[in-house]
Amino acid sequence: MASTGQIVQIPVKIDFHIHSAASAHKDGQKVKNGTAENIDVLFGKLEENEVNMAAITDHDRFDYSIYDALRSKVDNAQFLQRVLPGVEFTVSFKTSGGNKPIHVVTLFDDSDQEAVKRIGDAIPFKNGRPEYDDGNAFTEDAYWSIIRYIGLDIVAIAHQKASPGSGRARPNDANSVGEELYNEFLFVEYFEAYEYKNRRNELFN
């Protein structure tokens, strides 16, 4: 009889796309209250919605104090079991129509907290904004250079808000790079997962 040890028996509810005050350079006043001091508000909402795993993934920024404040709540949580470190990187890819930026939610292995603390320092930041090397994005080379410096295993999740077959690609979606490169992403499994805006698109794809 085949073992069922590797089969998911109980679904895990996740939220890996949460922004905090560390995203103020892009999200402005919308995230002004997303601080470590107000972490109880976020924790309360995660518990209310029975979320089991979460990650604060700010735009091209990592604030260890906010991540650690939420992580410290796990021991006393009813539903929240794990808080992973993460960043939503803006990464540009070369296409025939020029460079196209894609948002890539990147989750890091949390087994080495000293290495996790390096995440924030690894991302170049100047005058209150990320120091991009390609306009408003990091080049693919710069992105991987940051990842290598941090030295932790990752899971990369690409934005795909609309259906991949949509005639109108949304900015920062994985399929905005064009069909040829998008198919390359899919067939070589460049990303471990894709983030869909709604369940209908997720199930369809």
C-alpha atoms as a PDB file:
ATOM      1  CA  MET A   1       0.000   0.000   0.000  1.00  0.00           C
ATOM      2  CA  ALA A   2       1.350   3.439  -0.955  1.00  0.00           C
ATOM      3  CA  SER A   3       2.321   5.774   1.868  1.00  0.00           C
ATOM      4  CA  THR A   4       0.179   8.910   2.323  1.00  0.00           C
ATOM      5  CA  GLY A   5       2.890  10.688   4.325  1.00  0.00           C
ATOM      6  CA  GLN A   6       3.544  13.240   1.573  1.00  0.00           C
ATOM      7  CA  ILE A   7      -0.123  13.943   0.796  1.00  0.00           C
ATOM      8  CA  VAL A   8      -1.684  17.078   2.256  1.00  0.00           C
ATOM      9  CA  GLN A   9      -4.537  15.925   4.469  1.00  0.00           C
ATOM     10  CA  ILE A  10      -5.472  19.296   5.978  1.00  0.00           C
ATOM     11  CA  PRO A  11      -5.406  22.510   3.908  1.00  0.00           C
ATOM     12  CA  VAL A  12      -3.265  25.403   5.155  1.00  0.00           C
ATOM     13  CA  LYS A  13      -4.631  28.928   4.850  1.00  0.00           C
ATOM     14  CA  ILE A  14      -1.925  31.409   3.860  1.00  0.00           C
ATOM     15  CA  ASP A  15      -1.390  35.125   3.255  1.00  0.00           C
ATOM     16  CA  PHE A  16       2.029  35.843   1.776  1.00  0.00           C
ATOM     17  CA  HIS A  17       1.251  39.317   0.435  1.00  0.00           C
ATOM     18  CA  ILE A  18       1.026  41.789   3.323  1.00  0.00           C
ATOM     19  CA  HIS A  19       2.513  45.296   3.197  1.00  0.00           C
ATOM     20  CA  SER A  20       3.674  47.347   6.168  1.00  0.00           C
ATOM     21  CA  ALA A  21       4.967  50.858   6.787  1.00  0.00           C
ATOM     22  CA  ALA A  22       8.230  49.714   5.171  1.00  0.00           C
ATOM     23  CA  SER A  23       6.403  50.044   1.827  1.00  0.00           C
ATOM     24  CA  ALA A  24       5.682  53.747   2.368  1.00  0.00           C
ATOM     25  CA  HIS A  25       8.017  54.704  -0.504  1.00  0.00           C
ATOM     26  CA  LYS A  26       5.446  53.108  -2.839  1.00  0.00           C
ATOM     27  CA  ASP A  27       2.172  52.754  -0.928  1.00  0.00           C
ATOM     28  CA  GLY A  28       2.312  56.132   0.832  1.00  0.00           C
ATOM     29  CA  GLN A  29      -0.215  56.857   3.585  1.00  0.00           C
ATOM     30  CA  LYS A  30      -2.089  53.579   3.059  1.00  0.00           C
ATOM     31  CA  VAL A  31       0.506  51.748   5.152  1.00  0.00           C
ATOM     32  CA  LYS A  32       1.419  54.439   7.687  1.00  0.00           C
ATOM     33  CA  ASN A  33      -0.033  52.445  10.603  1.00  0.00           C
ATOM     34  CA  GLY A  34       1.644  49.188   9.604  1.00  0.00           C
ATOM     35  CA  THR A  35       4.331  49.348  12.278  1.00  0.00           C
ATOM     36  CA  ALA A  36       5.741  46.932  14.822  1.00  0.00           C
ATOM     37  CA  GLU A  37       3.896  48.890  17.544  1.00  0.00           C
ATOM     38  CA  ASN A  38       0.561  48.148  15.831  1.00  0.00           C
ATOM     39  CA  ILE A  39       1.257  44.487  15.095  1.00  0.00           C
ATOM     40  CA  ASP A  40      -1.622  43.393  17.356  1.00  0.00           C
ATOM     41  CA  VAL A  41      -4.081  44.777  14.804  1.00  0.00           C
ATOM     42  CA  LEU A  42      -2.612  42.651  11.994  1.00  0.00           C
ATOM     43  CA  PHE A  43      -2.316  39.621  14.262  1.00  0.00           C
ATOM     44  CA  GLY A  44      -5.959  39.999  15.297  1.00  0.00           C
ATOM     45  CA  LYS A  45      -7.119  40.049  11.666  1.00  0.00           C
ATOM     46  CA  LEU A  46      -5.031  37.002  10.780  1.00  0.00           C
ATOM     47  CA  GLU A  47      -6.518  35.104  13.712  1.00  0.00           C
ATOM     48  CA  GLU A  48     -10.019  36.315  12.865  1.00  0.00           C
ATOM     49  CA  ASN A  49      -9.602  34.910   9.345  1.00  0.00           C
ATOM     50  CA  GLU A  50      -7.957  31.703  10.612  1.00  0.00           C
ATOM     51  CA  VAL A  51      -4.740  32.240   8.641  1.00  0.00           C
ATOM     52  CA  ASN A  52      -2.131  29.547   9.377  1.00  0.00           C
ATOM     53  CA  MET A  53       0.945  30.964   7.612  1.00  0.00           C
ATOM     54  CA  ALA A  54       1.794  34.578   6.776  1.00  0.00           C
ATOM     55  CA  ALA A  55       4.554  36.789   5.430  1.00  0.00           C
ATOM     56  CA  ILE A  56       5.008  40.546   5.360  1.00  0.00           C
ATOM     57  CA  THR A  57       6.356  41.140   1.864  1.00  0.00           C
ATOM     58  CA  ASP A  58       7.071  44.838   1.397  1.00  0.00           C
ATOM     59  CA  HIS A  59       8.040  46.471  -1.885  1.00  0.00           C
ATOM     60  CA  ASP A  60      11.817  45.962  -2.271  1.00  0.00           C
ATOM     61  CA  ARG A  61      12.307  46.356   1.471  1.00  0.00           C
ATOM     62  CA  PHE A  62      12.583  44.206   4.576  1.00  0.00           C
ATOM     63  CA  ASP A  63      12.045  45.438   8.132  1.00  0.00           C
ATOM     64  CA  TYR A  64      13.192  42.753  10.554  1.00  0.00           C
ATOM     65  CA  SER A  65      11.524  44.441  13.557  1.00  0.00           C
ATOM     66  CA  ILE A  66       8.055  44.223  11.977  1.00  0.00           C
ATOM     67  CA  TYR A  67       8.604  40.639  10.831  1.00  0.00           C
ATOM     68  CA  ASP A  68       9.891  39.645  14.288  1.00  0.00           C
ATOM     69  CA  ALA A  69       7.003  41.372  16.055  1.00  0.00           C
ATOM     70  CA  LEU A  70       4.499  39.251  14.133  1.00  0.00           C
ATOM     71  CA  ARG A  71       6.618  36.096  14.458  1.00  0.00           C
ATOM     72  CA  SER A  72       6.639  36.513  18.243  1.00  0.00           C
ATOM     73  CA  LYS A  73       2.846  36.127  18.279  1.00  0.00           C
ATOM     74  CA  VAL A  74       2.888  32.558  16.961  1.00  0.00           C
ATOM     75  CA  ASP A  75       3.407  30.873  20.352  1.00  0.00           C
ATOM     76  CA  ASN A  76       0.159  32.311  21.692  1.00  0.00           C
ATOM     77  CA  ALA A  77      -1.861  32.028  18.475  1.00  0.00           C
ATOM     78  CA  GLN A  78      -4.850  29.785  17.925  1.00  0.00           C
ATOM     79  CA  PHE A  79      -4.460  29.586  14.123  1.00  0.00           C
ATOM     80  CA  LEU A  80      -1.221  31.281  13.072  1.00  0.00           C
ATOM     81  CA  GLN A  81       1.515  28.627  13.005  1.00  0.00           C
ATOM     82  CA  ARG A  82       4.351  30.238  11.015  1.00  0.00           C
ATOM     83  CA  VAL A  83       5.516  33.678   9.884  1.00  0.00           C
ATOM     84  CA  LEU A  84       8.033  33.631   7.040  1.00  0.00           C
ATOM     85  CA  PRO A  85      10.407  36.451   6.047  1.00  0.00           C
ATOM     86  CA  GLY A  86       9.765  37.836   2.581  1.00  0.00           C
ATOM     87  CA  VAL A  87      10.096  40.711   0.115  1.00  0.00           C
ATOM     88  CA  GLU A  88       8.062  41.716  -2.936  1.00  0.00           C
ATOM     89  CA  PHE A  89      10.834  42.452  -5.426  1.00  0.00           C
ATOM     90  CA  THR A  90      10.386  44.460  -8.607  1.00  0.00           C
ATOM     91  CA  VAL A  91      12.487  42.628 -11.182  1.00  0.00           C
ATOM     92  CA  SER A  92      12.960  43.659 -14.829  1.00  0.00           C
ATOM     93  CA  PHE A  93      13.273  41.053 -17.575  1.00  0.00           C
ATOM     94  CA  LYS A  94      14.650  41.658 -21.053  1.00  0.00           C
ATOM     95  CA  THR A  95      12.075  41.321 -23.850  1.00  0.00           C
ATOM     96  CA  SER A  96      11.957  42.259 -27.530  1.00  0.00           C
ATOM     97  CA  GLY A  97       9.908  45.293 -26.538  1.00  0.00           C
ATOM     98  CA  GLY A  98      12.373  46.457 -23.873  1.00  0.00           C
ATOM     99  CA  ASN A  99      12.734  45.634 -20.205  1.00  0.00           C
ATOM    100  CA  LYS A 100       9.501  44.692 -18.401  1.00  0.00           C
ATOM    101  CA  PRO A 101       9.192  44.805 -14.576  1.00  0.00           C
ATOM    102  CA  ILE A 102       7.501  41.915 -12.773  1.00  0.00           C
ATOM    103  CA  HIS A 103       6.592  41.785  -9.104  1.00  0.00           C
ATOM    104  CA  VAL A 104       8.114  38.692  -7.524  1.00  0.00           C
ATOM    105  CA  VAL A 105       7.062  37.807  -3.980  1.00  0.00           C
ATOM    106  CA  THR A 106      10.131  36.069  -2.533  1.00  0.00           C
ATOM    107  CA  LEU A 107       9.859  33.983   0.641  1.00  0.00           C
ATOM    108  CA  PHE A 108      12.995  33.009   2.564  1.00  0.00           C
ATOM    109  CA  ASP A 109      13.913  29.989   4.653  1.00  0.00           C
ATOM    110  CA  ASP A 110      13.647  31.102   8.295  1.00  0.00           C
ATOM    111  CA  SER A 111      15.854  28.465   9.918  1.00  0.00           C
ATOM    112  CA  ASP A 112      18.821  30.875  10.305  1.00  0.00           C
ATOM    113  CA  GLN A 113      17.656  34.104  11.937  1.00  0.00           C
ATOM    114  CA  GLU A 114      21.086  35.724  11.661  1.00  0.00           C
ATOM    115  CA  ALA A 115      20.875  35.284   7.896  1.00  0.00           C
ATOM    116  CA  VAL A 116      17.282  36.585   7.935  1.00  0.00           C
ATOM    117  CA  LYS A 117      18.588  39.789   9.526  1.00  0.00           C
ATOM    118  CA  ARG A 118      20.827  40.238   6.461  1.00  0.00           C
ATOM    119  CA  ILE A 119      17.848  40.562   4.108  1.00  0.00           C
ATOM    120  CA  GLY A 120      17.283  44.259   4.811  1.00  0.00           C
ATOM    121  CA  ASP A 121      20.953  45.173   4.433  1.00  0.00           C
ATOM    122  CA  ALA A 122      21.241  43.204   1.185  1.00  0.00           C
ATOM    123  CA  ILE A 123      18.733  45.420  -0.625  1.00  0.00           C
ATOM    124  CA  PRO A 124      20.316  48.735  -1.715  1.00  0.00           C
ATOM    125  CA  PHE A 125      18.361  51.677  -0.329  1.00  0.00           C
ATOM    126  CA  LYS A 126      19.123  55.387  -0.687  1.00  0.00           C
ATOM    127  CA  ASN A 127      17.284  58.593   0.224  1.00  0.00           C
ATOM    128  CA  GLY A 128      14.215  56.689   1.385  1.00  0.00           C
ATOM    129  CA  ARG A 129      13.850  54.604  -1.771  1.00  0.00           C
ATOM    130  CA  PRO A 130      15.243  51.352  -3.190  1.00  0.00           C
ATOM    131  CA  GLU A 131      18.369  52.014  -5.256  1.00  0.00           C
ATOM    132  CA  TYR A 132      17.318  50.266  -8.465  1.00  0.00           C
ATOM    133  CA  ASP A 133      19.773  49.581 -11.258  1.00  0.00           C
ATOM    134  CA  ASP A 134      17.132  49.680 -14.033  1.00  0.00           C
ATOM    135  CA  GLY A 135      14.768  52.619 -13.655  1.00  0.00           C
ATOM    136  CA  ASN A 136      12.103  51.502 -11.182  1.00  0.00           C
ATOM    137  CA  ALA A 137      13.257  47.895 -10.899  1.00  0.00           C
ATOM    138  CA  PHE A 138      16.196  45.644 -10.177  1.00  0.00           C
ATOM    139  CA  THR A 139      17.642  43.822 -13.148  1.00  0.00           C
ATOM    140  CA  GLU A 140      17.434  40.053 -13.063  1.00  0.00           C
ATOM    141  CA  ASP A 141      21.181  39.949 -12.369  1.00  0.00           C
ATOM    142  CA  ALA A 142      20.840  42.390  -9.456  1.00  0.00           C
ATOM    143  CA  TYR A 143      17.953  40.380  -8.005  1.00  0.00           C
ATOM    144  CA  TRP A 144      19.949  37.150  -8.025  1.00  0.00           C
ATOM    145  CA  SER A 145      22.982  38.952  -6.632  1.00  0.00           C
ATOM    146  CA  ILE A 146      20.869  40.057  -3.646  1.00  0.00           C
ATOM    147  CA  ILE A 147      19.530  36.517  -3.184  1.00  0.00           C
ATOM    148  CA  ARG A 148      23.028  35.015  -3.282  1.00  0.00           C
ATOM    149  CA  TYR A 149      24.318  37.562  -0.741  1.00  0.00           C
ATOM    150  CA  ILE A 150      21.528  36.676   1.692  1.00  0.00           C
ATOM    151  CA  GLY A 151      22.338  32.994   1.246  1.00  0.00           C
ATOM    152  CA  LEU A 152      18.949  31.506   2.121  1.00  0.00           C
ATOM    153  CA  ASP A 153      16.759  29.137   0.131  1.00  0.00           C
ATOM    154  CA  ILE A 154      13.777  30.884  -1.433  1.00  0.00           C
ATOM    155  CA  VAL A 155      10.367  30.351  -2.977  1.00  0.00           C
ATOM    156  CA  ALA A 156       9.615  32.835  -5.791  1.00  0.00           C
ATOM    157  CA  ILE A 157       5.969  33.670  -6.526  1.00  0.00           C
ATOM    158  CA  ALA A 158       5.210  35.822  -9.587  1.00  0.00           C
ATOM    159  CA  HIS A 159       2.275  38.200  -9.952  1.00  0.00           C
ATOM    160  CA  GLN A 160      -0.382  37.000 -12.388  1.00  0.00           C
ATOM    161  CA  LYS A 161      -3.475  39.011 -11.577  1.00  0.00           C
ATOM    162  CA  ALA A 162      -5.314  38.360 -14.847  1.00  0.00           C
ATOM    163  CA  SER A 163      -5.767  35.111 -16.734  1.00  0.00           C
ATOM    164  CA  PRO A 164      -2.518  34.353 -18.622  1.00  0.00           C
ATOM    165  CA  GLY A 165      -4.511  34.182 -21.884  1.00  0.00           C
ATOM    166  CA  SER A 166      -5.955  37.653 -21.377  1.00  0.00           C
ATOM    167  CA  GLY A 167      -5.522  39.959 -24.375  1.00  0.00           C
ATOM    168  CA  ARG A 168      -4.612  42.779 -22.028  1.00  0.00           C
ATOM    169  CA  ALA A 169      -1.654  41.972 -19.804  1.00  0.00           C
ATOM    170  CA  ARG A 170      -1.592  43.887 -16.542  1.00  0.00           C
ATOM    171  CA  PRO A 171       1.556  45.819 -15.612  1.00  0.00           C
ATOM    172  CA  ASN A 172       3.937  43.791 -13.407  1.00  0.00           C
ATOM    173  CA  ASP A 173       2.191  40.484 -14.211  1.00  0.00           C
ATOM    174  CA  ALA A 174       4.350  37.598 -15.350  1.00  0.00           C
ATOM    175  CA  ASN A 175       2.668  37.442 -18.765  1.00  0.00           C
ATOM    176  CA  SER A 176       3.427  41.124 -19.461  1.00  0.00           C
ATOM    177  CA  VAL A 177       6.843  39.992 -20.773  1.00  0.00           C
ATOM    178  CA  GLY A 178       5.229  38.454 -23.859  1.00  0.00           C
ATOM    179  CA  GLU A 179       4.205  34.933 -24.793  1.00  0.00           C
ATOM    180  CA  GLU A 180       7.681  33.567 -25.575  1.00  0.00           C
ATOM    181  CA  LEU A 181       9.334  34.542 -22.271  1.00  0.00           C
ATOM    182  CA  TYR A 182       6.175  33.782 -20.286  1.00  0.00           C
ATOM    183  CA  ASN A 183       6.149  30.243 -21.717  1.00  0.00           C
ATOM    184  CA  GLU A 184       9.805  29.968 -20.743  1.00  0.00           C
ATOM    185  CA  PHE A 185       8.875  30.902 -17.158  1.00  0.00           C
ATOM    186  CA  LEU A 186       6.249  28.156 -17.158  1.00  0.00           C
ATOM    187  CA  PHE A 187       8.107  25.345 -18.872  1.00  0.00           C
ATOM    188  CA  VAL A 188      11.438  25.744 -17.096  1.00  0.00           C
ATOM    189  CA  GLU A 189       9.586  26.362 -13.800  1.00  0.00           C
ATOM    190  CA  TYR A 190      11.380  29.662 -13.208  1.00  0.00           C
ATOM    191  CA  PHE A 191       8.849  30.527 -10.489  1.00  0.00           C
ATOM    192  CA  GLU A 192       7.588  28.062  -7.902  1.00  0.00           C
ATOM    193  CA  ALA A 193       4.099  29.573  -7.936  1.00  0.00           C
ATOM    194  CA  TYR A 194       1.907  32.326  -9.367  1.00  0.00           C
ATOM    195  CA  GLU A 195      -0.277  34.707  -7.389  1.00  0.00           C
ATOM    196  CA  TYR A 196      -3.773  35.110  -8.822  1.00  0.00           C
ATOM    197  CA  LYS A 197      -6.136  37.959  -8.021  1.00  0.00           C
ATOM    198  CA  ASN A 198      -9.208  35.795  -7.611  1.00  0.00           C
ATOM    199  CA  ARG A 199     -10.088  32.142  -7.173  1.00  0.00           C
ATOM    200  CA  ARG A 200     -11.732  31.880 -10.604  1.00  0.00           C
ATOM    201  CA  ASN A 201      -8.442  32.658 -12.367  1.00  0.00           C
ATOM    202  CA  GLU A 202      -6.537  30.389  -9.986  1.00  0.00           C
ATOM    203  CA  LEU A 203      -8.790  27.409 -10.627  1.00  0.00           C
ATOM    204  CA  PHE A 204      -8.935  28.077 -14.378  1.00  0.00           C
ATOM    205  CA  ASN A 205      -5.155  28.014 -14.653  1.00  0.00           C
END
